[in-house]
C-alpha atoms as a PDB file:
ATOM      1  CA  MET A   1      14.070   1.073  -9.117  1.00  0.00           C
ATOM      2  CA  PHE A   2      11.441  -0.894  -7.207  1.00  0.00           C
ATOM      3  CA  SER A   3       8.378   1.311  -7.477  1.00  0.00           C
ATOM      4  CA  ILE A   4       4.641   1.186  -7.873  1.00  0.00           C
ATOM      5  CA  PRO A   5       2.763   4.411  -8.576  1.00  0.00           C
ATOM      6  CA  GLY A   6      -0.494   3.420  -6.901  1.00  0.00           C
ATOM      7  CA  ASN A   7      -3.897   2.507  -8.218  1.00  0.00           C
ATOM      8  CA  MET A   8      -3.959   3.655 -11.830  1.00  0.00           C
ATOM      9  CA  LYS A   9      -7.651   4.534 -11.471  1.00  0.00           C
ATOM     10  CA  GLY A  10      -6.667   7.229  -8.977  1.00  0.00           C
ATOM     11  CA  GLU A  11      -3.595   8.402 -10.845  1.00  0.00           C
ATOM     12  CA  MET A  12      -5.038  11.891 -11.406  1.00  0.00           C
ATOM     13  CA  GLU A  13      -5.527  12.387  -7.642  1.00  0.00           C
ATOM     14  CA  ALA A  14      -2.667  13.824  -5.586  1.00  0.00           C
ATOM     15  CA  PRO A  15      -1.571  11.080  -3.186  1.00  0.00           C
ATOM     16  CA  LEU A  16      -1.815  11.574   0.562  1.00  0.00           C
ATOM     17  CA  LEU A  17       1.413   9.599   0.991  1.00  0.00           C
ATOM     18  CA  ASP A  18       4.089   9.220  -1.677  1.00  0.00           C
ATOM     19  CA  ILE A  19       7.103   7.093  -0.757  1.00  0.00           C
ATOM     20  CA  GLN A  20       9.968   7.290  -3.240  1.00  0.00           C
ATOM     21  CA  ASN A  21      13.037   5.019  -3.204  1.00  0.00           C
ATOM     22  CA  LEU A  22      12.908   4.457   0.553  1.00  0.00           C
ATOM     23  CA  ARG A  23      15.999   2.721   1.870  1.00  0.00           C
ATOM     24  CA  VAL A  24      16.616   1.871   5.519  1.00  0.00           C
ATOM     25  CA  GLU A  25      19.985   0.526   6.610  1.00  0.00           C
ATOM     26  CA  LEU A  26      21.067  -0.741  10.027  1.00  0.00           C
ATOM     27  CA  LEU A  27      24.768  -0.509  10.860  1.00  0.00           C
ATOM     28  CA  LEU A  28      25.545  -3.737  12.721  1.00  0.00           C
ATOM     29  CA  ARG A  29      28.779  -5.456  13.768  1.00  0.00           C
ATOM     30  CA  ARG A  30      28.398  -8.056  10.999  1.00  0.00           C
ATOM     31  CA  GLY A  31      27.914  -5.376   8.376  1.00  0.00           C
ATOM     32  CA  ILE A  32      25.176  -3.185   6.896  1.00  0.00           C
ATOM     33  CA  LEU A  33      21.716  -4.752   7.030  1.00  0.00           C
ATOM     34  CA  THR A  34      19.389  -3.332   4.373  1.00  0.00           C
ATOM     35  CA  ALA A  35      15.966  -3.591   6.028  1.00  0.00           C
ATOM     36  CA  VAL A  36      14.094  -1.641   3.313  1.00  0.00           C
ATOM     37  CA  ASP A  37      15.565  -1.734  -0.168  1.00  0.00           C
ATOM     38  CA  ASP A  38      14.463   0.960  -2.641  1.00  0.00           C
ATOM     39  CA  VAL A  39      10.720   0.789  -1.945  1.00  0.00           C
ATOM     40  CA  SER A  40       8.236   3.187  -3.578  1.00  0.00           C
ATOM     41  CA  PHE A  41       4.445   3.355  -3.409  1.00  0.00           C
ATOM     42  CA  ARG A  42       1.577   5.833  -3.156  1.00  0.00           C
ATOM     43  CA  LEU A  43      -1.489   5.958  -0.955  1.00  0.00           C
ATOM     44  CA  ARG A  44      -4.545   8.068  -1.670  1.00  0.00           C
ATOM     45  CA  GLU A  45      -6.906   9.624   0.881  1.00  0.00           C
ATOM     46  CA  LYS A  46      -9.326   7.083   2.444  1.00  0.00           C
ATOM     47  CA  GLU A  47      -7.486   4.209   0.740  1.00  0.00           C
ATOM     48  CA  SER A  48      -6.296   1.161   2.667  1.00  0.00           C
ATOM     49  CA  LEU A  49      -3.088  -0.650   1.742  1.00  0.00           C
ATOM     50  CA  GLY A  50      -2.008  -3.951   3.249  1.00  0.00           C
ATOM     51  CA  ILE A  51       1.703  -4.784   3.465  1.00  0.00           C
ATOM     52  CA  VAL A  52       2.386  -8.495   3.919  1.00  0.00           C
ATOM     53  CA  GLY A  53       5.438 -10.708   4.115  1.00  0.00           C
ATOM     54  CA  GLU A  54       7.319 -12.992   6.453  1.00  0.00           C
ATOM     55  CA  THR A  55       8.897 -11.826   9.709  1.00  0.00           C
ATOM     56  CA  GLY A  56      11.943  -9.624   9.130  1.00  0.00           C
ATOM     57  CA  CYS A  57      11.095  -8.580   5.566  1.00  0.00           C
ATOM     58  CA  GLY A  58      10.985  -4.858   6.428  1.00  0.00           C
ATOM     59  CA  LYS A  59       7.257  -4.222   6.926  1.00  0.00           C
ATOM     60  CA  SER A  60       7.549  -2.607  10.348  1.00  0.00           C
ATOM     61  CA  MET A  61      10.621  -0.628   9.310  1.00  0.00           C
ATOM     62  CA  ILE A  62       8.517   1.117   6.646  1.00  0.00           C
ATOM     63  CA  ALA A  63       6.035   2.088   9.377  1.00  0.00           C
ATOM     64  CA  LEU A  64       8.808   3.398  11.641  1.00  0.00           C
ATOM     65  CA  SER A  65      10.277   5.376   8.737  1.00  0.00           C
ATOM     66  CA  ILE A  66       6.941   7.092   8.051  1.00  0.00           C
ATOM     67  CA  MET A  67       6.636   7.991  11.741  1.00  0.00           C
ATOM     68  CA  GLY A  68      10.244   9.208  11.903  1.00  0.00           C
ATOM     69  CA  LEU A  69      11.063   6.580  14.531  1.00  0.00           C
ATOM     70  CA  VAL A  70      13.945   4.688  12.910  1.00  0.00           C
ATOM     71  CA  PRO A  71      16.530   4.504  15.722  1.00  0.00           C
ATOM     72  CA  SER A  72      19.672   6.437  14.794  1.00  0.00           C
ATOM     73  CA  PRO A  73      22.166   4.958  15.395  1.00  0.00           C
ATOM     74  CA  PRO A  74      22.189   2.186  14.225  1.00  0.00           C
ATOM     75  CA  GLY A  75      19.572   3.013  11.597  1.00  0.00           C
ATOM     76  CA  ARG A  76      19.545   5.487   8.748  1.00  0.00           C
ATOM     77  CA  ALA A  77      16.759   6.196   6.256  1.00  0.00           C
ATOM     78  CA  SER A  78      17.124   7.746   2.812  1.00  0.00           C
ATOM     79  CA  GLY A  79      14.811   8.478  -0.090  1.00  0.00           C
ATOM     80  CA  ARG A  80      11.641  10.560   0.175  1.00  0.00           C
ATOM     81  CA  ILE A  81       8.489  10.175   2.272  1.00  0.00           C
ATOM     82  CA  LEU A  82       6.078  12.822   1.025  1.00  0.00           C
ATOM     83  CA  PHE A  83       3.030  13.363   3.229  1.00  0.00           C
ATOM     84  CA  GLU A  84       0.707  15.912   1.617  1.00  0.00           C
ATOM     85  CA  GLY A  85       3.729  16.993  -0.415  1.00  0.00           C
ATOM     86  CA  VAL A  86       6.031  17.507   2.603  1.00  0.00           C
ATOM     87  CA  ASP A  87       9.140  15.309   2.890  1.00  0.00           C
ATOM     88  CA  LEU A  88       9.091  13.783   6.379  1.00  0.00           C
ATOM     89  CA  ILE A  89      12.641  12.429   6.134  1.00  0.00           C
ATOM     90  CA  ARG A  90      13.998  15.968   6.006  1.00  0.00           C
ATOM     91  CA  LYS A  91      11.868  17.224   8.909  1.00  0.00           C
ATOM     92  CA  LYS A  92      13.470  17.951  12.287  1.00  0.00           C
ATOM     93  CA  GLU A  93      12.304  16.022  15.344  1.00  0.00           C
ATOM     94  CA  ARG A  94      10.417  19.032  16.721  1.00  0.00           C
ATOM     95  CA  GLU A  95       8.479  19.360  13.465  1.00  0.00           C
ATOM     96  CA  LEU A  96       7.767  15.625  13.357  1.00  0.00           C
ATOM     97  CA  ARG A  97       6.234  15.747  16.838  1.00  0.00           C
ATOM     98  CA  ARG A  98       3.535  18.087  15.523  1.00  0.00           C
ATOM     99  CA  ILE A  99       2.673  15.595  12.753  1.00  0.00           C
ATOM    100  CA  ARG A 100       3.150  12.370  14.714  1.00  0.00           C
ATOM    101  CA  GLY A 101      -0.082  11.490  16.493  1.00  0.00           C
ATOM    102  CA  ARG A 102      -2.091  14.341  15.005  1.00  0.00           C
ATOM    103  CA  GLU A 103      -1.759  13.808  11.233  1.00  0.00           C
ATOM    104  CA  ILE A 104      -0.253  10.296  11.207  1.00  0.00           C
ATOM    105  CA  ALA A 105      -0.858   7.783  14.001  1.00  0.00           C
ATOM    106  CA  ILE A 106       0.325   4.240  14.629  1.00  0.00           C
ATOM    107  CA  ILE A 107      -1.016   1.232  16.505  1.00  0.00           C
ATOM    108  CA  PHE A 108       1.851  -0.942  17.680  1.00  0.00           C
ATOM    109  CA  GLN A 109       1.880  -4.723  17.862  1.00  0.00           C
ATOM    110  CA  GLU A 110       2.275  -5.084  21.636  1.00  0.00           C
ATOM    111  CA  PRO A 111       0.251  -2.532  23.656  1.00  0.00           C
ATOM    112  CA  LEU A 112       1.739  -3.527  27.022  1.00  0.00           C
ATOM    113  CA  THR A 113       5.157  -2.263  25.922  1.00  0.00           C
ATOM    114  CA  ALA A 114       3.726   0.745  24.042  1.00  0.00           C
ATOM    115  CA  LEU A 115       1.703   2.033  27.012  1.00  0.00           C
ATOM    116  CA  ASN A 116       3.492   3.664  29.948  1.00  0.00           C
ATOM    117  CA  PRO A 117       3.146   1.380  33.006  1.00  0.00           C
ATOM    118  CA  ALA A 118       3.573   4.312  35.413  1.00  0.00           C
ATOM    119  CA  PHE A 119       0.485   6.276  34.333  1.00  0.00           C
ATOM    120  CA  ILE A 120      -3.206   5.451  34.444  1.00  0.00           C
ATOM    121  CA  ILE A 121      -5.080   5.014  31.168  1.00  0.00           C
ATOM    122  CA  GLY A 122      -6.997   8.280  31.461  1.00  0.00           C
ATOM    123  CA  GLU A 123      -3.804  10.338  31.685  1.00  0.00           C
ATOM    124  CA  GLN A 124      -2.252   8.616  28.661  1.00  0.00           C
ATOM    125  CA  VAL A 125      -5.285   9.118  26.433  1.00  0.00           C
ATOM    126  CA  ALA A 126      -5.931  12.671  27.637  1.00  0.00           C
ATOM    127  CA  GLU A 127      -2.324  13.611  26.867  1.00  0.00           C
ATOM    128  CA  CYS A 128      -3.138  13.513  23.131  1.00  0.00           C
ATOM    129  CA  TYR A 129      -5.623  16.350  23.531  1.00  0.00           C
ATOM    130  CA  ARG A 130      -3.367  18.427  25.797  1.00  0.00           C
ATOM    131  CA  VAL A 131      -0.252  18.081  23.612  1.00  0.00           C
ATOM    132  CA  HIS A 132      -1.818  18.568  20.176  1.00  0.00           C
ATOM    133  CA  PHE A 133      -4.788  20.852  20.946  1.00  0.00           C
ATOM    134  CA  GLY A 134      -3.779  22.551  24.215  1.00  0.00           C
ATOM    135  CA  HIS A 135      -6.995  21.469  25.944  1.00  0.00           C
ATOM    136  CA  SER A 136      -7.455  21.950  29.678  1.00  0.00           C
ATOM    137  CA  LYS A 137      -7.213  18.868  31.925  1.00  0.00           C
ATOM    138  CA  ARG A 138     -10.991  18.715  32.251  1.00  0.00           C
ATOM    139  CA  THR A 139     -11.651  18.991  28.517  1.00  0.00           C
ATOM    140  CA  ALA A 140      -8.899  16.460  27.794  1.00  0.00           C
ATOM    141  CA  ARG A 141     -10.441  13.979  30.255  1.00  0.00           C
ATOM    142  CA  GLU A 142     -13.831  14.407  28.592  1.00  0.00           C
ATOM    143  CA  GLY A 143     -12.232  13.787  25.196  1.00  0.00           C
ATOM    144  CA  ALA A 144     -10.473  10.693  26.555  1.00  0.00           C
ATOM    145  CA  GLU A 145     -13.724   9.281  27.908  1.00  0.00           C
ATOM    146  CA  HIS A 146     -15.471   9.918  24.577  1.00  0.00           C
ATOM    147  CA  ILE A 147     -12.811   8.235  22.430  1.00  0.00           C
ATOM    148  CA  LEU A 148     -12.609   5.222  24.784  1.00  0.00           C
ATOM    149  CA  ASP A 149     -16.377   4.855  24.476  1.00  0.00           C
ATOM    150  CA  LEU A 150     -16.054   5.112  20.674  1.00  0.00           C
ATOM    151  CA  VAL A 151     -13.654   2.152  20.571  1.00  0.00           C
ATOM    152  CA  ARG A 152     -16.100   0.156  22.734  1.00  0.00           C
ATOM    153  CA  VAL A 153     -14.216   0.154  26.009  1.00  0.00           C
ATOM    154  CA  PRO A 154     -16.866  -0.771  28.607  1.00  0.00           C
ATOM    155  CA  SER A 155     -17.241   1.609  31.572  1.00  0.00           C
ATOM    156  CA  PRO A 156     -14.654   4.092  30.243  1.00  0.00           C
ATOM    157  CA  LYS A 157     -14.763   6.229  33.411  1.00  0.00           C
ATOM    158  CA  GLN A 158     -13.619   3.259  35.478  1.00  0.00           C
ATOM    159  CA  VAL A 159     -11.066   2.093  32.915  1.00  0.00           C
ATOM    160  CA  MET A 160      -9.475   5.560  32.877  1.00  0.00           C
ATOM    161  CA  LYS A 161      -8.488   5.029  36.535  1.00  0.00           C
ATOM    162  CA  LEU A 162      -6.663   1.752  35.830  1.00  0.00           C
ATOM    163  CA  TYR A 163      -3.039   1.032  34.915  1.00  0.00           C
ATOM    164  CA  PRO A 164      -2.161  -0.878  31.710  1.00  0.00           C
ATOM    165  CA  HIS A 165      -1.283  -4.105  33.562  1.00  0.00           C
ATOM    166  CA  GLU A 166      -4.783  -4.187  35.044  1.00  0.00           C
ATOM    167  CA  LEU A 167      -6.389  -4.583  31.606  1.00  0.00           C
ATOM    168  CA  SER A 168      -6.683  -7.607  29.327  1.00  0.00           C
ATOM    169  CA  GLY A 169      -4.714  -7.739  26.075  1.00  0.00           C
ATOM    170  CA  GLY A 170      -7.770  -6.920  23.982  1.00  0.00           C
ATOM    171  CA  MET A 171      -8.693  -3.986  26.220  1.00  0.00           C
ATOM    172  CA  ARG A 172      -5.143  -2.607  26.055  1.00  0.00           C
ATOM    173  CA  GLN A 173      -5.284  -2.762  22.274  1.00  0.00           C
ATOM    174  CA  ARG A 174      -8.567  -0.833  22.296  1.00  0.00           C
ATOM    175  CA  VAL A 175      -6.831   1.821  24.395  1.00  0.00           C
ATOM    176  CA  MET A 176      -4.016   1.963  21.819  1.00  0.00           C
ATOM    177  CA  ILE A 177      -6.593   2.417  19.056  1.00  0.00           C
ATOM    178  CA  ALA A 178      -8.239   5.197  21.088  1.00  0.00           C
ATOM    179  CA  ILE A 179      -4.889   7.001  21.479  1.00  0.00           C
ATOM    180  CA  ALA A 180      -4.168   6.622  17.746  1.00  0.00           C
ATOM    181  CA  LEU A 181      -7.576   8.006  16.725  1.00  0.00           C
ATOM    182  CA  ALA A 182      -7.925  10.692  19.389  1.00  0.00           C
ATOM    183  CA  CYS A 183      -6.734  13.505  17.092  1.00  0.00           C
ATOM    184  CA  GLN A 184      -8.557  12.142  14.037  1.00  0.00           C
ATOM    185  CA  PRO A 185      -5.418  11.607  11.921  1.00  0.00           C
ATOM    186  CA  LYS A 186      -5.508  11.447   8.139  1.00  0.00           C
ATOM    187  CA  LEU A 187      -3.337   8.325   8.044  1.00  0.00           C
ATOM    188  CA  LEU A 188      -3.487   5.371  10.432  1.00  0.00           C
ATOM    189  CA  ILE A 189      -0.730   2.738  10.458  1.00  0.00           C
ATOM    190  CA  ALA A 190      -1.640  -0.565  12.106  1.00  0.00           C
ATOM    191  CA  ASP A 191       1.493  -2.640  12.690  1.00  0.00           C
ATOM    192  CA  GLU A 192       0.267  -6.215  13.255  1.00  0.00           C
ATOM    193  CA  PRO A 193      -2.210  -4.997  15.906  1.00  0.00           C
ATOM    194  CA  THR A 194      -3.783  -8.423  16.538  1.00  0.00           C
ATOM    195  CA  THR A 195      -0.719 -10.684  16.670  1.00  0.00           C
ATOM    196  CA  ALA A 196      -0.589 -10.889  20.481  1.00  0.00           C
ATOM    197  CA  LEU A 197      -4.348 -11.522  20.877  1.00  0.00           C
ATOM    198  CA  ASP A 198      -6.420 -14.687  20.872  1.00  0.00           C
ATOM    199  CA  VAL A 199      -8.546 -15.472  17.824  1.00  0.00           C
ATOM    200  CA  THR A 200     -11.882 -14.238  19.211  1.00  0.00           C
ATOM    201  CA  VAL A 201     -10.434 -10.904  20.311  1.00  0.00           C
ATOM    202  CA  GLN A 202      -8.579 -10.571  16.987  1.00  0.00           C
ATOM    203  CA  ALA A 203     -11.879 -10.686  15.112  1.00  0.00           C
ATOM    204  CA  GLN A 204     -13.376  -7.997  17.375  1.00  0.00           C
ATOM    205  CA  ILE A 205     -10.390  -5.672  16.916  1.00  0.00           C
ATOM    206  CA  LEU A 206     -10.380  -6.122  13.133  1.00  0.00           C
ATOM    207  CA  GLU A 207     -14.118  -5.426  12.963  1.00  0.00           C
ATOM    208  CA  LEU A 208     -13.606  -2.302  15.082  1.00  0.00           C
ATOM    209  CA  LEU A 209     -10.776  -1.025  12.859  1.00  0.00           C
ATOM    210  CA  GLU A 210     -12.834  -1.565   9.724  1.00  0.00           C
ATOM    211  CA  GLU A 211     -15.820   0.262  11.196  1.00  0.00           C
ATOM    212  CA  LEU A 212     -13.796   3.223  12.494  1.00  0.00           C
ATOM    213  CA  ARG A 213     -11.846   3.606   9.254  1.00  0.00           C
ATOM    214  CA  GLU A 214     -15.080   3.931   7.319  1.00  0.00           C
ATOM    215  CA  LYS A 215     -16.665   6.248   9.891  1.00  0.00           C
ATOM    216  CA  MET A 216     -13.649   8.555  10.217  1.00  0.00           C
ATOM    217  CA  LYS A 217     -12.703   8.338   6.510  1.00  0.00           C
ATOM    218  CA  LEU A 218      -9.069   7.433   7.244  1.00  0.00           C
ATOM    219  CA  ALA A 219      -6.341   6.252   4.951  1.00  0.00           C
ATOM    220  CA  MET A 220      -4.740   3.158   6.438  1.00  0.00           C
ATOM    221  CA  ILE A 221      -1.619   1.028   6.089  1.00  0.00           C
ATOM    222  CA  PHE A 222      -2.219  -2.371   7.652  1.00  0.00           C
ATOM    223  CA  ILE A 223       0.897  -4.462   8.243  1.00  0.00           C
ATOM    224  CA  SER A 224       0.557  -8.210   8.735  1.00  0.00           C
ATOM    225  CA  HIS A 225       1.959 -11.615   7.855  1.00  0.00           C
ATOM    226  CA  ASN A 226      -1.617 -12.898   7.439  1.00  0.00           C
ATOM    227  CA  LEU A 227      -2.878 -12.575   3.867  1.00  0.00           C
ATOM    228  CA  GLY A 228      -6.432 -13.476   4.892  1.00  0.00           C
ATOM    229  CA  VAL A 229      -6.689 -10.619   7.385  1.00  0.00           C
ATOM    230  CA  VAL A 230      -5.229  -8.074   4.970  1.00  0.00           C
ATOM    231  CA  ALA A 231      -7.496  -9.216   2.140  1.00  0.00           C
ATOM    232  CA  HIS A 232     -10.518  -8.596   4.366  1.00  0.00           C
ATOM    233  CA  LEU A 233      -9.515  -5.068   5.403  1.00  0.00           C
ATOM    234  CA  CYS A 234      -7.638  -3.506   2.494  1.00  0.00           C
ATOM    235  CA  ASP A 235      -8.242  -2.174  -1.020  1.00  0.00           C
ATOM    236  CA  ARG A 236      -4.753  -3.041  -2.274  1.00  0.00           C
ATOM    237  CA  ILE A 237      -2.034  -5.416  -1.103  1.00  0.00           C
ATOM    238  CA  ALA A 238       1.743  -5.013  -1.349  1.00  0.00           C
ATOM    239  CA  VAL A 239       3.825  -8.159  -0.870  1.00  0.00           C
ATOM    240  CA  MET A 240       7.370  -7.756   0.480  1.00  0.00           C
ATOM    241  CA  TYR A 241      10.324 -10.120   0.397  1.00  0.00           C
ATOM    242  CA  ALA A 242      13.756  -9.341   1.886  1.00  0.00           C
ATOM    243  CA  GLY A 243      13.112  -5.599   2.126  1.00  0.00           C
ATOM    244  CA  ALA A 244      11.681  -5.088  -1.376  1.00  0.00           C
ATOM    245  CA  LEU A 245       8.233  -5.042  -2.938  1.00  0.00           C
ATOM    246  CA  VAL A 246       7.681  -8.049  -5.200  1.00  0.00           C
ATOM    247  CA  GLU A 247       3.979  -7.694  -6.039  1.00  0.00           C
ATOM    248  CA  VAL A 248       1.279  -5.024  -5.673  1.00  0.00           C
ATOM    249  CA  THR A 249      -2.328  -5.470  -6.712  1.00  0.00           C
ATOM    250  CA  ASP A 250      -5.927  -5.285  -5.570  1.00  0.00           C
ATOM    251  CA  VAL A 251      -7.441  -7.955  -3.336  1.00  0.00           C
ATOM    252  CA  GLU A 252      -9.298  -9.831  -6.080  1.00  0.00           C
ATOM    253  CA  SER A 253      -6.262 -10.082  -8.343  1.00  0.00           C
ATOM    254  CA  LEU A 254      -4.129 -11.467  -5.526  1.00  0.00           C
ATOM    255  CA  LEU A 255      -6.084 -14.710  -5.758  1.00  0.00           C
ATOM    256  CA  GLN A 256      -4.267 -15.117  -9.092  1.00  0.00           C
ATOM    257  CA  PRO A 257      -0.739 -14.128  -7.963  1.00  0.00           C
ATOM    258  CA  LEU A 258       2.033 -13.457 -10.475  1.00  0.00           C
ATOM    259  CA  HIS A 259       5.073 -13.712  -8.203  1.00  0.00           C
ATOM    260  CA  PRO A 260       6.219 -17.201  -7.100  1.00  0.00           C
ATOM    261  CA  TYR A 261       6.723 -15.916  -3.533  1.00  0.00           C
ATOM    262  CA  THR A 262       3.119 -14.700  -3.299  1.00  0.00           C
ATOM    263  CA  LEU A 263       1.972 -18.052  -4.650  1.00  0.00           C
ATOM    264  CA  GLY A 264       4.018 -19.727  -1.923  1.00  0.00           C
ATOM    265  CA  LEU A 265       2.381 -17.561   0.750  1.00  0.00           C
ATOM    266  CA  LEU A 266      -1.083 -18.489  -0.482  1.00  0.00           C
ATOM    267  CA  ASP A 267      -0.209 -22.185  -0.635  1.00  0.00           C
ATOM    268  CA  ALA A 268       1.060 -22.033   2.957  1.00  0.00           C
ATOM    269  CA  MET A 269      -2.261 -20.725   4.301  1.00  0.00           C
ATOM    270  CA  PRO A 270      -4.224 -23.328   6.310  1.00  0.00           C
ATOM    271  CA  LEU A 271      -7.682 -24.027   4.845  1.00  0.00           C
ATOM    272  CA  PRO A 272     -10.531 -25.742   6.721  1.00  0.00           C
ATOM    273  CA  GLU A 273     -11.240 -28.122   3.835  1.00  0.00           C
ATOM    274  CA  HIS A 274      -7.575 -29.247   3.841  1.00  0.00           C
ATOM    275  CA  ARG A 275      -7.116 -29.540   7.608  1.00  0.00           C
ATOM    276  CA  ASP A 276      -5.845 -33.132   7.371  1.00  0.00           C
ATOM    277  CA  GLU A 277      -3.127 -32.205   4.870  1.00  0.00           C
ATOM    278  CA  TYR A 278       0.376 -30.941   5.603  1.00  0.00           C
ATOM    279  CA  LEU A 279       0.946 -27.242   4.941  1.00  0.00           C
ATOM    280  CA  LYS A 280       3.139 -26.419   1.965  1.00  0.00           C
ATOM    281  CA  ALA A 281       6.332 -24.690   3.059  1.00  0.00           C
ATOM    282  CA  LEU A 282       8.596 -22.542   0.916  1.00  0.00           C
ATOM    283  CA  PRO A 283      11.882 -24.359   0.223  1.00  0.00           C
ATOM    284  CA  GLY A 284      15.258 -22.976   1.203  1.00  0.00           C
ATOM    285  CA  ASN A 285      16.300 -20.477   3.871  1.00  0.00           C
ATOM    286  CA  ILE A 286      15.267 -16.911   4.631  1.00  0.00           C
ATOM    287  CA  CYS A 287      17.405 -14.355   2.799  1.00  0.00           C
ATOM    288  CA  ASP A 288      20.386 -12.914   4.703  1.00  0.00           C
ATOM    289  CA  LEU A 289      19.819  -9.151   4.497  1.00  0.00           C
ATOM    290  CA  ILE A 290      23.475  -8.364   5.211  1.00  0.00           C
ATOM    291  CA  TYR A 291      24.826 -10.669   2.501  1.00  0.00           C
ATOM    292  CA  PRO A 292      21.897 -11.170   0.090  1.00  0.00           C
ATOM    293  CA  PRO A 293      22.229 -13.296  -3.044  1.00  0.00           C
ATOM    294  CA  SER A 294      22.974 -11.569  -6.339  1.00  0.00           C
ATOM    295  CA  GLY A 295      20.180 -10.772  -8.752  1.00  0.00           C
ATOM    296  CA  CYS A 296      16.668 -11.507  -7.525  1.00  0.00           C
ATOM    297  CA  LYS A 297      16.813 -12.137  -3.771  1.00  0.00           C
ATOM    298  CA  PHE A 298      14.172 -14.855  -4.050  1.00  0.00           C
ATOM    299  CA  HIS A 299      15.854 -16.861  -6.794  1.00  0.00           C
ATOM    300  CA  PRO A 300      17.535 -19.469  -4.481  1.00  0.00           C
ATOM    301  CA  ARG A 301      14.043 -20.502  -3.297  1.00  0.00           C
ATOM    302  CA  CYS A 302      12.126 -20.050  -6.562  1.00  0.00           C
ATOM    303  CA  PHE A 303      10.809 -22.935  -8.658  1.00  0.00           C
ATOM    304  CA  LYS A 304      10.814 -20.719 -11.783  1.00  0.00           C
ATOM    305  CA  ALA A 305      14.362 -19.351 -11.420  1.00  0.00           C
ATOM    306  CA  GLN A 306      16.620 -19.290 -14.472  1.00  0.00           C
ATOM    307  CA  GLU A 307      20.126 -18.013 -15.124  1.00  0.00           C
ATOM    308  CA  ILE A 308      19.148 -14.358 -15.503  1.00  0.00           C
ATOM    309  CA  CYS A 309      17.501 -14.403 -12.050  1.00  0.00           C
ATOM    310  CA  ALA A 310      20.891 -14.909 -10.378  1.00  0.00           C
ATOM    311  CA  GLN A 311      22.472 -12.124 -12.424  1.00  0.00           C
ATOM    312  CA  GLU A 312      19.966  -9.282 -12.632  1.00  0.00           C
ATOM    313  CA  ARG A 313      17.416  -7.830 -10.245  1.00  0.00           C
ATOM    314  CA  PRO A 314      13.925  -7.414 -11.715  1.00  0.00           C
ATOM    315  CA  GLY A 315      12.042  -4.163 -11.199  1.00  0.00           C
ATOM    316  CA  LEU A 316       8.312  -3.854 -10.597  1.00  0.00           C
ATOM    317  CA  GLU A 317       6.492  -3.832 -13.937  1.00  0.00           C
ATOM    318  CA  MET A 318       2.829  -3.091 -14.503  1.00  0.00           C
ATOM    319  CA  LYS A 319       0.731  -5.903 -15.915  1.00  0.00           C
ATOM    320  CA  PRO A 320      -2.949  -5.794 -16.935  1.00  0.00           C
ATOM    321  CA  LEU A 321      -5.554  -4.771 -14.317  1.00  0.00           C
ATOM    322  CA  ASP A 322      -3.186  -2.573 -12.258  1.00  0.00           C
ATOM    323  CA  HIS A 323      -1.152  -5.618 -11.285  1.00  0.00           C
ATOM    324  CA  ALA A 324       2.575  -4.991 -10.672  1.00  0.00           C
ATOM    325  CA  VAL A 325       5.185  -7.703 -10.208  1.00  0.00           C
ATOM    326  CA  ALA A 326       8.982  -7.848  -9.869  1.00  0.00           C
ATOM    327  CA  CYS A 327       9.748 -11.104 -11.670  1.00  0.00           C
ATOM    328  CA  PHE A 328      11.345 -12.117 -14.967  1.00  0.00           C
ATOM    329  CA  PHE A 329       9.167 -15.238 -15.184  1.00  0.00           C
ATOM    330  CA  PRO A 330       5.852 -14.493 -13.466  1.00  0.00           C
ATOM    331  CA  VAL A 331       3.273 -17.183 -12.820  1.00  0.00           C
ATOM    332  CA  TYR A 332       0.394 -17.127 -15.279  1.00  0.00           C
ATOM    333  CA  HIS A 333      -2.885 -18.898 -14.685  1.00  0.00           C
ATOM    334  CA  GLU A 334      -5.227 -20.537 -17.126  1.00  0.00           C
ATOM    335  CA  PRO A 335      -8.574 -18.706 -17.451  1.00  0.00           C
ATOM    336  CA  SER A 336     -11.223 -20.414 -15.321  1.00  0.00           C
END
């Protein structure tokens, strides 16, 4: 089983979110694609967890599973997703609608496709208050104006009269954040919310998320392929490869990674002092999730692989300092 119980320091606290043996499969013409492969982790109240990994490793599918949005068909999710002790996987769609948006909210990667092009911004934000709290149209509009002002949308009254296509990318993402936070959820999932934005706007959105998380005392799952961004925002980091967790630790410990894949991710990051050097790329090809290799899925690309790696699949094991790694031959560093 690939599992990590959570921060050992908070082990006595009941987790807000407890994912156990989550598996998501997509039934495709080529075969069954295992997008999430036996993943387990816990998240406490007010804690922030970053999930990182290359495109297609299953990060977003975890987010969709928590929200109950895995398309069926072709998708199917199994395992347990306990939110405040209630298993979301076994909830009916009508019950999930009461939780989705009010208790758990998500910020999607591309706001232009997430927002409805046929409705003005004010109607889309105000809908949160009408659906979840039964507010009148007037009260809902007042709530919409307040939350837009909170996420630093300039002239919110005017913006509420505009359609999504009339806003810039950064402004649309602020609207998405406003919709996600309107009902003051306990858990916020941010699924690569800055990928489609330019660098300057990215920094503003990340600063806003950090500020609002602290102010509203939210738990957060931040999904990204950028280790630097996640390290800045999160308390703990979970690294995924080919649908499975391979390393989970706090931000400081990640600078001394144990898994060869995590080391490869860090080596591939561009650094200002090395701008004239070529980036280090991981060797080999991305894992085929329909026909994965036997044993450890990373072994064909791993510089530390040995015979057992092709035969058996390592489980996550706790190391000192709450550091968990799924590797038979982890990387160890000399003390500095």
